[in-house]
PDB file of N, CA and C in Angstrom:
ATOM      1  N   UNK A   1      -5.648  -4.922  22.345  1.00  0.00           N
ATOM      2  CA  UNK A   1      -5.993  -3.781  21.522  1.00  0.00           C
ATOM      3  C   UNK A   1      -4.710  -3.128  21.023  1.00  0.00           C
ATOM      4  N   UNK A   2      -4.676  -2.840  19.727  1.00  0.00           N
ATOM      5  CA  UNK A   2      -3.551  -2.141  19.123  1.00  0.00           C
ATOM      6  C   UNK A   2      -3.992  -0.734  18.766  1.00  0.00           C
ATOM      7  N   UNK A   3      -3.231   0.238  19.236  1.00  0.00           N
ATOM      8  CA  UNK A   3      -3.586   1.643  19.088  1.00  0.00           C
ATOM      9  C   UNK A   3      -2.480   2.369  18.329  1.00  0.00           C
ATOM     10  N   UNK A   4      -2.895   3.290  17.450  1.00  0.00           N
ATOM     11  CA  UNK A   4      -1.959   4.180  16.779  1.00  0.00           C
ATOM     12  C   UNK A   4      -2.353   5.604  17.128  1.00  0.00           C
ATOM     13  N   UNK A   5      -1.386   6.379  17.604  1.00  0.00           N
ATOM     14  CA  UNK A   5      -1.592   7.789  17.914  1.00  0.00           C
ATOM     15  C   UNK A   5      -0.769   8.601  16.925  1.00  0.00           C
ATOM     16  N   UNK A   6      -1.418   9.544  16.246  1.00  0.00           N
ATOM     17  CA  UNK A   6      -0.695  10.388  15.312  1.00  0.00           C
ATOM     18  C   UNK A   6      -0.028  11.546  16.058  1.00  0.00           C
ATOM     19  N   UNK A   7       0.713  12.361  15.329  1.00  0.00           N
ATOM     20  CA  UNK A   7       1.414  13.536  15.886  1.00  0.00           C
ATOM     21  C   UNK A   7       2.428  13.123  16.946  1.00  0.00           C
ATOM     22  N   UNK A   8       3.226  12.108  16.616  1.00  0.00           N
ATOM     23  CA  UNK A   8       4.186  11.537  17.573  1.00  0.00           C
ATOM     24  C   UNK A   8       5.202  12.530  18.095  1.00  0.00           C
ATOM     25  N   UNK A   9       5.437  13.602  17.360  1.00  0.00           N
ATOM     26  CA  UNK A   9       6.422  14.565  17.846  1.00  0.00           C
ATOM     27  C   UNK A   9       5.786  15.680  18.669  1.00  0.00           C
ATOM     28  N   UNK A  10       4.581  15.440  19.175  1.00  0.00           N
ATOM     29  CA  UNK A  10       3.896  16.444  20.009  1.00  0.00           C
ATOM     30  C   UNK A  10       3.745  15.948  21.444  1.00  0.00           C
ATOM     31  N   UNK A  11       3.654  16.875  22.351  1.00  0.00           N
ATOM     32  CA  UNK A  11       3.451  16.538  23.766  1.00  0.00           C
ATOM     33  C   UNK A  11       2.096  15.876  23.976  1.00  0.00           C
ATOM     34  N   UNK A  12       1.084  16.278  23.188  1.00  0.00           N
ATOM     35  CA  UNK A  12      -0.251  15.702  23.317  1.00  0.00           C
ATOM     36  C   UNK A  12      -0.244  14.195  23.074  1.00  0.00           C
ATOM     37  N   UNK A  13       0.567  13.751  22.130  1.00  0.00           N
ATOM     38  CA  UNK A  13       0.638  12.318  21.831  1.00  0.00           C
ATOM     39  C   UNK A  13       1.159  11.542  23.044  1.00  0.00           C
ATOM     40  N   UNK A  14       2.168  12.073  23.698  1.00  0.00           N
ATOM     41  CA  UNK A  14       2.730  11.391  24.868  1.00  0.00           C
ATOM     42  C   UNK A  14       1.785  11.451  26.061  1.00  0.00           C
ATOM     43  N   UNK A  15       1.064  12.546  26.200  1.00  0.00           N
ATOM     44  CA  UNK A  15       0.075  12.642  27.274  1.00  0.00           C
ATOM     45  C   UNK A  15      -1.038  11.622  27.069  1.00  0.00           C
ATOM     46  N   UNK A  16      -1.503  11.503  25.834  1.00  0.00           N
ATOM     47  CA  UNK A  16      -2.549  10.533  25.528  1.00  0.00           C
ATOM     48  C   UNK A  16      -2.045   9.110  25.746  1.00  0.00           C
ATOM     49  N   UNK A  17      -0.838   8.844  25.302  1.00  0.00           N
ATOM     50  CA  UNK A  17      -0.265   7.500  25.469  1.00  0.00           C
ATOM     51  C   UNK A  17      -0.228   7.105  26.939  1.00  0.00           C
ATOM     52  N   UNK A  18       0.123   8.050  27.815  1.00  0.00           N
ATOM     53  CA  UNK A  18       0.212   7.732  29.247  1.00  0.00           C
ATOM     54  C   UNK A  18      -1.167   7.473  29.862  1.00  0.00           C
ATOM     55  N   UNK A  19      -2.236   7.980  29.250  1.00  0.00           N
ATOM     56  CA  UNK A  19      -3.591   7.787  29.769  1.00  0.00           C
ATOM     57  C   UNK A  19      -4.241   6.487  29.302  1.00  0.00           C
ATOM     58  N   UNK A  20      -3.759   5.952  28.192  1.00  0.00           N
ATOM     59  CA  UNK A  20      -4.388   4.763  27.612  1.00  0.00           C
ATOM     60  C   UNK A  20      -3.825   3.490  28.217  1.00  0.00           C
ATOM     61  N   UNK A  21      -4.679   2.511  28.328  1.00  0.00           N
ATOM     62  CA  UNK A  21      -4.220   1.198  28.776  1.00  0.00           C
ATOM     63  C   UNK A  21      -4.547   0.197  27.670  1.00  0.00           C
ATOM     64  N   UNK A  22      -3.710   0.190  26.668  1.00  0.00           N
ATOM     65  CA  UNK A  22      -3.900  -0.709  25.531  1.00  0.00           C
ATOM     66  C   UNK A  22      -2.775  -1.729  25.519  1.00  0.00           C
ATOM     67  N   UNK A  23      -2.994  -2.802  24.800  1.00  0.00           N
ATOM     68  CA  UNK A  23      -1.952  -3.825  24.697  1.00  0.00           C
ATOM     69  C   UNK A  23      -0.709  -3.271  24.026  1.00  0.00           C
ATOM     70  N   UNK A  24      -0.936  -2.565  22.945  1.00  0.00           N
ATOM     71  CA  UNK A  24       0.183  -2.069  22.160  1.00  0.00           C
ATOM     72  C   UNK A  24      -0.155  -0.675  21.653  1.00  0.00           C
ATOM     73  N   UNK A  25       0.708   0.280  21.948  1.00  0.00           N
ATOM     74  CA  UNK A  25       0.496   1.651  21.492  1.00  0.00           C
ATOM     75  C   UNK A  25       1.668   2.061  20.618  1.00  0.00           C
ATOM     76  N   UNK A  26       1.349   2.429  19.387  1.00  0.00           N
ATOM     77  CA  UNK A  26       2.345   2.936  18.453  1.00  0.00           C
ATOM     78  C   UNK A  26       2.152   4.434  18.302  1.00  0.00           C
ATOM     79  N   UNK A  27       3.243   5.155  18.194  1.00  0.00           N
ATOM     80  CA  UNK A  27       3.187   6.573  17.880  1.00  0.00           C
ATOM     81  C   UNK A  27       3.662   6.734  16.450  1.00  0.00           C
ATOM     82  N   UNK A  28       2.991   7.585  15.692  1.00  0.00           N
ATOM     83  CA  UNK A  28       3.380   7.807  14.314  1.00  0.00           C
ATOM     84  C   UNK A  28       3.227   9.255  13.925  1.00  0.00           C
ATOM     85  N   UNK A  29       3.970   9.644  12.902  1.00  0.00           N
ATOM     86  CA  UNK A  29       3.910  11.025  12.435  1.00  0.00           C
ATOM     87  C   UNK A  29       4.382  11.094  10.999  1.00  0.00           C
ATOM     88  N   UNK A  30       3.853  12.059  10.255  1.00  0.00           N
ATOM     89  CA  UNK A  30       4.351  12.287   8.904  1.00  0.00           C
ATOM     90  C   UNK A  30       5.421  13.375   8.917  1.00  0.00           C
ATOM     91  N   UNK A  31       5.523  14.093  10.025  1.00  0.00           N
ATOM     92  CA  UNK A  31       6.623  15.043  10.192  1.00  0.00           C
ATOM     93  C   UNK A  31       7.888  14.259  10.528  1.00  0.00           C
ATOM     94  N   UNK A  32       8.992  14.921  10.489  1.00  0.00           N
ATOM     95  CA  UNK A  32      10.270  14.253  10.740  1.00  0.00           C
ATOM     96  C   UNK A  32      10.318  13.660  12.152  1.00  0.00           C
ATOM     97  N   UNK A  33      10.835  12.443  12.225  1.00  0.00           N
ATOM     98  CA  UNK A  33      10.972  11.721  13.487  1.00  0.00           C
ATOM     99  C   UNK A  33      12.432  11.343  13.685  1.00  0.00           C
ATOM    100  N   UNK A  34      12.857  11.189  14.944  1.00  0.00           N
ATOM    101  CA  UNK A  34      14.235  10.726  15.192  1.00  0.00           C
ATOM    102  C   UNK A  34      14.441   9.330  14.592  1.00  0.00           C
ATOM    103  N   UNK A  35      15.459   9.193  13.776  1.00  0.00           N
ATOM    104  CA  UNK A  35      15.725   7.932  13.077  1.00  0.00           C
ATOM    105  C   UNK A  35      15.871   6.767  14.056  1.00  0.00           C
ATOM    106  N   UNK A  36      16.479   7.014  15.196  1.00  0.00           N
ATOM    107  CA  UNK A  36      16.684   5.940  16.181  1.00  0.00           C
ATOM    108  C   UNK A  36      15.350   5.405  16.702  1.00  0.00           C
ATOM    109  N   UNK A  37      14.347   6.280  16.841  1.00  0.00           N
ATOM    110  CA  UNK A  37      13.037   5.845  17.324  1.00  0.00           C
ATOM    111  C   UNK A  37      12.304   5.033  16.248  1.00  0.00           C
ATOM    112  N   UNK A  38      12.492   5.411  14.987  1.00  0.00           N
ATOM    113  CA  UNK A  38      11.864   4.676  13.892  1.00  0.00           C
ATOM    114  C   UNK A  38      12.499   3.294  13.760  1.00  0.00           C
ATOM    115  N   UNK A  39      13.820   3.251  13.791  1.00  0.00           N
ATOM    116  CA  UNK A  39      14.519   1.971  13.650  1.00  0.00           C
ATOM    117  C   UNK A  39      14.234   1.025  14.808  1.00  0.00           C
ATOM    118  N   UNK A  40      14.016   1.581  15.997  1.00  0.00           N
ATOM    119  CA  UNK A  40      13.738   0.738  17.164  1.00  0.00           C
ATOM    120  C   UNK A  40      12.297   0.216  17.161  1.00  0.00           C
ATOM    121  N   UNK A  41      11.464   0.774  16.293  1.00  0.00           N
ATOM    122  CA  UNK A  41      10.072   0.331  16.223  1.00  0.00           C
ATOM    123  C   UNK A  41       9.153   1.047  17.192  1.00  0.00           C
ATOM    124  N   UNK A  42       9.675   2.033  17.907  1.00  0.00           N
ATOM    125  CA  UNK A  42       8.845   2.768  18.871  1.00  0.00           C
ATOM    126  C   UNK A  42       7.973   3.816  18.206  1.00  0.00           C
ATOM    127  N   UNK A  43       8.360   4.229  16.997  1.00  0.00           N
ATOM    128  CA  UNK A  43       7.586   5.183  16.214  1.00  0.00           C
ATOM    129  C   UNK A  43       7.576   4.716  14.764  1.00  0.00           C
ATOM    130  N   UNK A  44       6.541   5.140  14.047  1.00  0.00           N
ATOM    131  CA  UNK A  44       6.469   4.810  12.625  1.00  0.00           C
ATOM    132  C   UNK A  44       6.196   6.075  11.821  1.00  0.00           C
ATOM    133  N   UNK A  45       6.634   6.033  10.585  1.00  0.00           N
ATOM    134  CA  UNK A  45       6.358   7.131   9.667  1.00  0.00           C
ATOM    135  C   UNK A  45       4.967   6.934   9.075  1.00  0.00           C
ATOM    136  N   UNK A  46       4.189   7.998   9.095  1.00  0.00           N
ATOM    137  CA  UNK A  46       2.841   7.959   8.549  1.00  0.00           C
ATOM    138  C   UNK A  46       2.815   8.636   7.181  1.00  0.00           C
ATOM    139  N   UNK A  47       1.818   8.298   6.369  1.00  0.00           N
ATOM    140  CA  UNK A  47       1.669   8.964   5.077  1.00  0.00           C
ATOM    141  C   UNK A  47       1.392  10.461   5.274  1.00  0.00           C
ATOM    142  N   UNK A  48       1.819  11.247   4.314  1.00  0.00           N
ATOM    143  CA  UNK A  48       1.585  12.683   4.359  1.00  0.00           C
ATOM    144  C   UNK A  48       0.152  12.970   3.899  1.00  0.00           C
ATOM    145  N   UNK A  49      -0.587  13.780   4.657  1.00  0.00           N
ATOM    146  CA  UNK A  49      -1.967  14.106   4.259  1.00  0.00           C
ATOM    147  C   UNK A  49      -2.059  14.800   2.897  1.00  0.00           C
ATOM    148  N   UNK A  50      -0.974  15.327   2.401  1.00  0.00           N
ATOM    149  CA  UNK A  50      -0.980  15.980   1.092  1.00  0.00           C
ATOM    150  C   UNK A  50      -0.985  14.969  -0.054  1.00  0.00           C
ATOM    151  N   UNK A  51      -0.738  13.715   0.255  1.00  0.00           N
ATOM    152  CA  UNK A  51      -0.745  12.654  -0.758  1.00  0.00           C
ATOM    153  C   UNK A  51      -2.176  12.423  -1.241  1.00  0.00           C
ATOM    154  N   UNK A  52      -2.349  12.245  -2.537  1.00  0.00           N
ATOM    155  CA  UNK A  52      -3.692  12.008  -3.083  1.00  0.00           C
ATOM    156  C   UNK A  52      -4.276  10.678  -2.610  1.00  0.00           C
ATOM    157  N   UNK A  53      -3.427   9.760  -2.205  1.00  0.00           N
ATOM    158  CA  UNK A  53      -3.907   8.453  -1.730  1.00  0.00           C
ATOM    159  C   UNK A  53      -3.758   8.307  -0.212  1.00  0.00           C
ATOM    160  N   UNK A  54      -3.759   9.419   0.491  1.00  0.00           N
ATOM    161  CA  UNK A  54      -3.542   9.418   1.945  1.00  0.00           C
ATOM    162  C   UNK A  54      -4.461   8.449   2.685  1.00  0.00           C
ATOM    163  N   UNK A  55      -5.748   8.529   2.418  1.00  0.00           N
ATOM    164  CA  UNK A  55      -6.702   7.702   3.165  1.00  0.00           C
ATOM    165  C   UNK A  55      -6.451   6.217   2.934  1.00  0.00           C
ATOM    166  N   UNK A  56      -6.139   5.842   1.705  1.00  0.00           N
ATOM    167  CA  UNK A  56      -5.859   4.442   1.406  1.00  0.00           C
ATOM    168  C   UNK A  56      -4.527   4.000   2.025  1.00  0.00           C
ATOM    169  N   UNK A  57      -3.555   4.892   2.033  1.00  0.00           N
ATOM    170  CA  UNK A  57      -2.272   4.578   2.656  1.00  0.00           C
ATOM    171  C   UNK A  57      -2.437   4.382   4.166  1.00  0.00           C
ATOM    172  N   UNK A  58      -3.265   5.227   4.793  1.00  0.00           N
ATOM    173  CA  UNK A  58      -3.502   5.082   6.230  1.00  0.00           C
ATOM    174  C   UNK A  58      -4.265   3.794   6.530  1.00  0.00           C
ATOM    175  N   UNK A  59      -5.249   3.468   5.705  1.00  0.00           N
ATOM    176  CA  UNK A  59      -6.005   2.234   5.914  1.00  0.00           C
ATOM    177  C   UNK A  59      -5.081   1.026   5.776  1.00  0.00           C
ATOM    178  N   UNK A  60      -4.253   1.015   4.763  1.00  0.00           N
ATOM    179  CA  UNK A  60      -3.309  -0.086   4.562  1.00  0.00           C
ATOM    180  C   UNK A  60      -2.357  -0.212   5.741  1.00  0.00           C
ATOM    181  N   UNK A  61      -1.842   0.914   6.208  1.00  0.00           N
ATOM    182  CA  UNK A  61      -0.929   0.904   7.353  1.00  0.00           C
ATOM    183  C   UNK A  61      -1.629   0.331   8.587  1.00  0.00           C
ATOM    184  N   UNK A  62      -2.854   0.780   8.834  1.00  0.00           N
ATOM    185  CA  UNK A  62      -3.609   0.290   9.999  1.00  0.00           C
ATOM    186  C   UNK A  62      -3.876  -1.207   9.898  1.00  0.00           C
ATOM    187  N   UNK A  63      -4.205  -1.673   8.722  1.00  0.00           N
ATOM    188  CA  UNK A  63      -4.445  -3.104   8.542  1.00  0.00           C
ATOM    189  C   UNK A  63      -3.150  -3.895   8.708  1.00  0.00           C
ATOM    190  N   UNK A  64      -2.061  -3.408   8.144  1.00  0.00           N
ATOM    191  CA  UNK A  64      -0.769  -4.092   8.262  1.00  0.00           C
ATOM    192  C   UNK A  64      -0.303  -4.188   9.711  1.00  0.00           C
ATOM    193  N   UNK A  65      -0.564  -3.141  10.489  1.00  0.00           N
ATOM    194  CA  UNK A  65      -0.129  -3.096  11.892  1.00  0.00           C
ATOM    195  C   UNK A  65      -1.200  -3.616  12.853  1.00  0.00           C
ATOM    196  N   UNK A  66      -2.315  -4.088  12.289  1.00  0.00           N
ATOM    197  CA  UNK A  66      -3.429  -4.624  13.080  1.00  0.00           C
ATOM    198  C   UNK A  66      -3.955  -3.609  14.103  1.00  0.00           C
ATOM    199  N   UNK A  67      -4.110  -2.370  13.649  1.00  0.00           N
ATOM    200  CA  UNK A  67      -4.589  -1.282  14.504  1.00  0.00           C
ATOM    201  C   UNK A  67      -6.101  -1.397  14.692  1.00  0.00           C
ATOM    202  N   UNK A  68      -6.550  -1.335  15.937  1.00  0.00           N
ATOM    203  CA  UNK A  68      -7.972  -1.356  16.272  1.00  0.00           C
ATOM    204  C   UNK A  68      -8.528   0.057  16.441  1.00  0.00           C
ATOM    205  N   UNK A  69      -7.693   0.946  16.985  1.00  0.00           N
ATOM    206  CA  UNK A  69      -8.114   2.309  17.273  1.00  0.00           C
ATOM    207  C   UNK A  69      -7.043   3.283  16.811  1.00  0.00           C
ATOM    208  N   UNK A  70      -7.473   4.299  16.099  1.00  0.00           N
ATOM    209  CA  UNK A  70      -6.586   5.331  15.583  1.00  0.00           C
ATOM    210  C   UNK A  70      -6.968   6.649  16.239  1.00  0.00           C
ATOM    211  N   UNK A  71      -6.036   7.225  16.996  1.00  0.00           N
ATOM    212  CA  UNK A  71      -6.239   8.530  17.614  1.00  0.00           C
ATOM    213  C   UNK A  71      -5.597   9.579  16.721  1.00  0.00           C
ATOM    214  N   UNK A  72      -6.413  10.500  16.225  1.00  0.00           N
ATOM    215  CA  UNK A  72      -5.946  11.522  15.289  1.00  0.00           C
ATOM    216  C   UNK A  72      -5.818  12.852  16.030  1.00  0.00           C
ATOM    217  N   UNK A  73      -4.605  13.390  16.047  1.00  0.00           N
ATOM    218  CA  UNK A  73      -4.350  14.618  16.807  1.00  0.00           C
ATOM    219  C   UNK A  73      -4.167  15.863  15.947  1.00  0.00           C
ATOM    220  N   UNK A  74      -4.000  15.697  14.651  1.00  0.00           N
ATOM    221  CA  UNK A  74      -3.793  16.862  13.776  1.00  0.00           C
ATOM    222  C   UNK A  74      -5.029  17.110  12.923  1.00  0.00           C
ATOM    223  N   UNK A  75      -5.398  18.373  12.824  1.00  0.00           N
ATOM    224  CA  UNK A  75      -6.600  18.779  12.091  1.00  0.00           C
ATOM    225  C   UNK A  75      -6.574  18.343  10.627  1.00  0.00           C
ATOM    226  N   UNK A  76      -5.435  18.509   9.948  1.00  0.00           N
ATOM    227  CA  UNK A  76      -5.372  18.163   8.523  1.00  0.00           C
ATOM    228  C   UNK A  76      -5.582  16.663   8.301  1.00  0.00           C
ATOM    229  N   UNK A  77      -5.165  15.842   9.260  1.00  0.00           N
ATOM    230  CA  UNK A  77      -5.414  14.405   9.162  1.00  0.00           C
ATOM    231  C   UNK A  77      -6.886  14.103   9.446  1.00  0.00           C
ATOM    232  N   UNK A  78      -7.429  14.771  10.446  1.00  0.00           N
ATOM    233  CA  UNK A  78      -8.819  14.535  10.847  1.00  0.00           C
ATOM    234  C   UNK A  78      -9.788  14.858   9.720  1.00  0.00           C
ATOM    235  N   UNK A  79      -9.565  15.970   9.026  1.00  0.00           N
ATOM    236  CA  UNK A  79     -10.457  16.374   7.937  1.00  0.00           C
ATOM    237  C   UNK A  79     -10.529  15.286   6.875  1.00  0.00           C
ATOM    238  N   UNK A  80      -9.382  14.742   6.495  1.00  0.00           N
ATOM    239  CA  UNK A  80      -9.342  13.712   5.461  1.00  0.00           C
ATOM    240  C   UNK A  80      -9.915  12.381   5.945  1.00  0.00           C
ATOM    241  N   UNK A  81      -9.575  12.006   7.160  1.00  0.00           N
ATOM    242  CA  UNK A  81     -10.024  10.708   7.669  1.00  0.00           C
ATOM    243  C   UNK A  81     -11.530  10.677   7.928  1.00  0.00           C
ATOM    244  N   UNK A  82     -12.113  11.821   8.257  1.00  0.00           N
ATOM    245  CA  UNK A  82     -13.563  11.869   8.462  1.00  0.00           C
ATOM    246  C   UNK A  82     -14.303  11.472   7.187  1.00  0.00           C
ATOM    247  N   UNK A  83     -13.697  11.781   6.037  1.00  0.00           N
ATOM    248  CA  UNK A  83     -14.314  11.428   4.759  1.00  0.00           C
ATOM    249  C   UNK A  83     -14.358   9.914   4.542  1.00  0.00           C
ATOM    250  N   UNK A  84     -13.434   9.193   5.166  1.00  0.00           N
ATOM    251  CA  UNK A  84     -13.336   7.735   4.975  1.00  0.00           C
ATOM    252  C   UNK A  84     -13.655   6.952   6.241  1.00  0.00           C
ATOM    253  N   UNK A  85     -14.258   7.589   7.195  1.00  0.00           N
ATOM    254  CA  UNK A  85     -14.515   6.931   8.478  1.00  0.00           C
ATOM    255  C   UNK A  85     -15.313   5.649   8.320  1.00  0.00           C
ATOM    256  N   UNK A  86     -16.312   5.638   7.445  1.00  0.00           N
ATOM    257  CA  UNK A  86     -17.129   4.448   7.239  1.00  0.00           C
ATOM    258  C   UNK A  86     -16.282   3.273   6.750  1.00  0.00           C
ATOM    259  N   UNK A  87     -15.347   3.542   5.847  1.00  0.00           N
ATOM    260  CA  UNK A  87     -14.464   2.496   5.326  1.00  0.00           C
ATOM    261  C   UNK A  87     -13.612   1.896   6.450  1.00  0.00           C
ATOM    262  N   UNK A  88     -13.055   2.747   7.301  1.00  0.00           N
ATOM    263  CA  UNK A  88     -12.252   2.262   8.426  1.00  0.00           C
ATOM    264  C   UNK A  88     -13.117   1.424   9.367  1.00  0.00           C
ATOM    265  N   UNK A  89     -14.334   1.873   9.611  1.00  0.00           N
ATOM    266  CA  UNK A  89     -15.259   1.155  10.484  1.00  0.00           C
ATOM    267  C   UNK A  89     -15.561  -0.235   9.930  1.00  0.00           C
ATOM    268  N   UNK A  90     -15.724  -0.342   8.615  1.00  0.00           N
ATOM    269  CA  UNK A  90     -15.989  -1.635   7.993  1.00  0.00           C
ATOM    270  C   UNK A  90     -14.848  -2.624   8.218  1.00  0.00           C
ATOM    271  N   UNK A  91     -13.648  -2.114   8.396  1.00  0.00           N
ATOM    272  CA  UNK A  91     -12.487  -2.967   8.667  1.00  0.00           C
ATOM    273  C   UNK A  91     -12.211  -3.096  10.171  1.00  0.00           C
ATOM    274  N   UNK A  92     -13.112  -2.606  11.000  1.00  0.00           N
ATOM    275  CA  UNK A  92     -12.972  -2.754  12.438  1.00  0.00           C
ATOM    276  C   UNK A  92     -12.005  -1.788  13.078  1.00  0.00           C
ATOM    277  N   UNK A  93     -11.774  -0.659  12.418  1.00  0.00           N
ATOM    278  CA  UNK A  93     -10.849   0.351  12.948  1.00  0.00           C
ATOM    279  C   UNK A  93     -11.664   1.547  13.414  1.00  0.00           C
ATOM    280  N   UNK A  94     -11.558   1.854  14.692  1.00  0.00           N
ATOM    281  CA  UNK A  94     -12.259   2.976  15.308  1.00  0.00           C
ATOM    282  C   UNK A  94     -11.355   4.205  15.221  1.00  0.00           C
ATOM    283  N   UNK A  95     -11.889   5.317  14.735  1.00  0.00           N
ATOM    284  CA  UNK A  95     -11.117   6.554  14.670  1.00  0.00           C
ATOM    285  C   UNK A  95     -11.631   7.495  15.756  1.00  0.00           C
ATOM    286  N   UNK A  96     -10.690   7.986  16.581  1.00  0.00           N
ATOM    287  CA  UNK A  96     -11.012   8.918  17.652  1.00  0.00           C
ATOM    288  C   UNK A  96     -10.310  10.234  17.334  1.00  0.00           C
ATOM    289  N   UNK A  97     -11.081  11.305  17.252  1.00  0.00           N
ATOM    290  CA  UNK A  97     -10.529  12.614  16.891  1.00  0.00           C
ATOM    291  C   UNK A  97     -10.228  13.414  18.162  1.00  0.00           C
ATOM    292  N   UNK A  98      -9.001  13.842  18.295  1.00  0.00           N
ATOM    293  CA  UNK A  98      -8.554  14.590  19.468  1.00  0.00           C
ATOM    294  C   UNK A  98      -8.141  16.022  19.087  1.00  0.00           C
ATOM    295  N   UNK A  99      -8.630  16.522  17.972  1.00  0.00           N
ATOM    296  CA  UNK A  99      -8.217  17.840  17.504  1.00  0.00           C
ATOM    297  C   UNK A  99      -9.002  18.940  18.154  1.00  0.00           C
TER     298      UNK A  99
END
């Protein structure tokens, strides 16, 4: 199972990561991230929810990274992703809202 947790620069993301037992857990954020963590592949930059194509950018990212489950920790991301939840489900991506 490949998991993506949003809000990588929050304590909640690390707490959730420690509770999950997945094959691969990625942390991502659209807020600024330490460059060393991005370059090492431990974190990824996510699309900004203010982008008009946010939902499509997130779907593409999830498909490219073979994400099975997306944990959404920020309200602004959750509001937008709820609108496209059916589309993500059709591609086999489960969205879990932790807001």
